[in-house]
C-alpha atoms as a PDB file:
ATOM      1  CA  MET A   1     -31.384 -35.453 123.406  1.00  0.00           C
ATOM      2  CA  SER A   2     -29.321 -35.802 126.450  1.00  0.00           C
ATOM      3  CA  GLY A   3     -29.033 -32.241 127.363  1.00  0.00           C
ATOM      4  CA  GLN A   4     -26.552 -31.474 124.576  1.00  0.00           C
ATOM      5  CA  THR A   5     -27.027 -28.459 122.471  1.00  0.00           C
ATOM      6  CA  SER A   6     -25.643 -28.546 118.909  1.00  0.00           C
ATOM      7  CA  ILE A   7     -25.016 -25.319 116.889  1.00  0.00           C
ATOM      8  CA  LEU A   8     -25.709 -25.770 113.190  1.00  0.00           C
ATOM      9  CA  VAL A   9     -24.539 -23.443 110.442  1.00  0.00           C
ATOM     10  CA  SER A  10     -25.999 -23.758 107.033  1.00  0.00           C
ATOM     11  CA  GLY A  11     -27.388 -27.297 107.973  1.00  0.00           C
ATOM     12  CA  ARG A  12     -23.904 -28.484 109.031  1.00  0.00           C
ATOM     13  CA  ASP A  13     -22.165 -29.107 112.337  1.00  0.00           C
ATOM     14  CA  ASN A  14     -19.273 -26.580 112.801  1.00  0.00           C
ATOM     15  CA  ALA A  15     -16.863 -29.357 113.213  1.00  0.00           C
ATOM     16  CA  ASP A  16     -17.649 -30.578 109.798  1.00  0.00           C
ATOM     17  CA  ALA A  17     -17.533 -27.193 108.108  1.00  0.00           C
ATOM     18  CA  ALA A  18     -15.000 -27.172 105.156  1.00  0.00           C
ATOM     19  CA  PRO A  19     -12.161 -24.640 105.373  1.00  0.00           C
ATOM     20  CA  LYS A  20     -12.389 -21.536 103.302  1.00  0.00           C
ATOM     21  CA  LYS A  21     -10.650 -21.480  99.979  1.00  0.00           C
ATOM     22  CA  ALA A  22      -7.630 -19.042  99.771  1.00  0.00           C
ATOM     23  CA  VAL A  23      -8.652 -17.123  96.747  1.00  0.00           C
ATOM     24  CA  PRO A  24      -6.049 -14.635  95.223  1.00  0.00           C
ATOM     25  CA  PRO A  25      -7.259 -11.086  95.194  1.00  0.00           C
ATOM     26  CA  PRO A  26      -7.553  -9.143  91.933  1.00  0.00           C
ATOM     27  CA  ASP A  27      -4.284  -7.264  92.808  1.00  0.00           C
ATOM     28  CA  ALA A  28      -2.337 -10.424  93.681  1.00  0.00           C
ATOM     29  CA  ALA A  29       0.277  -9.501  91.022  1.00  0.00           C
ATOM     30  CA  ARG A  30       1.185  -6.186  92.624  1.00  0.00           C
ATOM     31  CA  MET A  31       1.233  -7.921  96.078  1.00  0.00           C
ATOM     32  CA  ILE A  32       3.517 -10.795  95.140  1.00  0.00           C
ATOM     33  CA  ARG A  33       5.914  -8.440  93.391  1.00  0.00           C
ATOM     34  CA  THR A  34       5.982  -6.046  96.310  1.00  0.00           C
ATOM     35  CA  TRP A  35       6.397  -8.630  98.951  1.00  0.00           C
ATOM     36  CA  ARG A  36       9.148 -10.451  96.872  1.00  0.00           C
ATOM     37  CA  GLN A  37      11.180  -7.304  96.352  1.00  0.00           C
ATOM     38  CA  ARG A  38      10.718  -6.310 100.056  1.00  0.00           C
ATOM     39  CA  ALA A  39      11.912  -9.659 101.162  1.00  0.00           C
ATOM     40  CA  GLY A  40      15.073  -9.380  98.873  1.00  0.00           C
ATOM     41  CA  LEU A  41      14.133 -12.509  96.753  1.00  0.00           C
ATOM     42  CA  THR A  42      14.467 -12.866  92.995  1.00  0.00           C
ATOM     43  CA  GLN A  43      11.705 -14.523  91.002  1.00  0.00           C
ATOM     44  CA  GLU A  44      13.814 -17.578  90.833  1.00  0.00           C
ATOM     45  CA  HIS A  45      14.292 -17.872  94.627  1.00  0.00           C
ATOM     46  CA  LEU A  46      10.530 -17.325  95.207  1.00  0.00           C
ATOM     47  CA  ALA A  47       9.801 -20.032  92.503  1.00  0.00           C
ATOM     48  CA  ARG A  48      12.047 -22.521  94.161  1.00  0.00           C
ATOM     49  CA  ALA A  49      10.634 -21.721  97.692  1.00  0.00           C
ATOM     50  CA  LEU A  50       7.132 -22.219  96.346  1.00  0.00           C
ATOM     51  CA  GLY A  51       7.904 -25.290  94.226  1.00  0.00           C
ATOM     52  CA  VAL A  52       6.881 -23.659  90.981  1.00  0.00           C
ATOM     53  CA  THR A  53       8.859 -22.416  87.844  1.00  0.00           C
ATOM     54  CA  PHE A  54      10.479 -18.957  87.359  1.00  0.00           C
ATOM     55  CA  SER A  55       8.259 -18.267  84.523  1.00  0.00           C
ATOM     56  CA  THR A  56       5.145 -19.035  86.727  1.00  0.00           C
ATOM     57  CA  VAL A  57       6.155 -16.406  89.226  1.00  0.00           C
ATOM     58  CA  SER A  58       6.926 -14.095  86.322  1.00  0.00           C
ATOM     59  CA  ARG A  59       3.401 -14.635  84.796  1.00  0.00           C
ATOM     60  CA  TRP A  60       1.750 -13.979  88.314  1.00  0.00           C
ATOM     61  CA  GLU A  61       3.677 -10.849  88.723  1.00  0.00           C
ATOM     62  CA  ASN A  62       2.952  -9.573  85.214  1.00  0.00           C
ATOM     63  CA  GLY A  63      -0.774 -10.265  85.761  1.00  0.00           C
ATOM     64  CA  HIS A  64      -1.077 -12.835  82.874  1.00  0.00           C
ATOM     65  CA  VAL A  65      -2.525 -15.387  85.340  1.00  0.00           C
ATOM     66  CA  ARG A  66      -3.363 -15.444  88.833  1.00  0.00           C
ATOM     67  CA  PRO A  67      -2.045 -17.973  91.235  1.00  0.00           C
ATOM     68  CA  SER A  68      -4.295 -21.017  91.991  1.00  0.00           C
ATOM     69  CA  SER A  69      -5.740 -21.208  95.358  1.00  0.00           C
ATOM     70  CA  LEU A  70      -3.110 -23.631  96.475  1.00  0.00           C
ATOM     71  CA  ALA A  71      -0.268 -21.587  95.072  1.00  0.00           C
ATOM     72  CA  TRP A  72      -1.765 -18.468  96.791  1.00  0.00           C
ATOM     73  CA  LYS A  73      -1.917 -20.279 100.089  1.00  0.00           C
ATOM     74  CA  ALA A  74       1.716 -21.217  99.669  1.00  0.00           C
ATOM     75  CA  CYS A  75       2.561 -17.675  98.911  1.00  0.00           C
ATOM     76  CA  ARG A  76       0.934 -16.425 102.023  1.00  0.00           C
ATOM     77  CA  SER A  77       2.734 -19.037 104.132  1.00  0.00           C
ATOM     78  CA  GLN A  78       6.030 -18.218 102.640  1.00  0.00           C
ATOM     79  CA  ARG A  79       5.416 -14.519 103.145  1.00  0.00           C
ATOM     80  CA  ASN A  80       4.715 -15.011 106.836  1.00  0.00           C
ATOM     81  CA  ALA A  81       7.871 -17.184 107.280  1.00  0.00           C
ATOM     82  CA  GLU A  82      10.125 -14.790 105.642  1.00  0.00           C
ATOM     83  CA  PRO A  83      11.263 -11.671 107.520  1.00  0.00           C
ATOM     84  CA  CYS A  84      10.869  -8.588 105.204  1.00  0.00           C
ATOM     85  CA  SER A  85      13.878  -6.280 105.158  1.00  0.00           C
END
């Protein structure tokens, strides 16, 4: 090897490592509702911002279902983009 050192993690080069999945925590319902209320958003406004239906946000907040990994990532991105009042 021409003097180069490669660091392997789990048999894979770091550059090839897959990004971690954004898994919603068990208390995602409480987190979403609290953040939405602090941001002054209605369920309908949050739904539009995330590209989901109002009833989907309602089901998340009531704990009937948890957001998918993709939806949770979008929630986190939206939360970071919106100033909380």
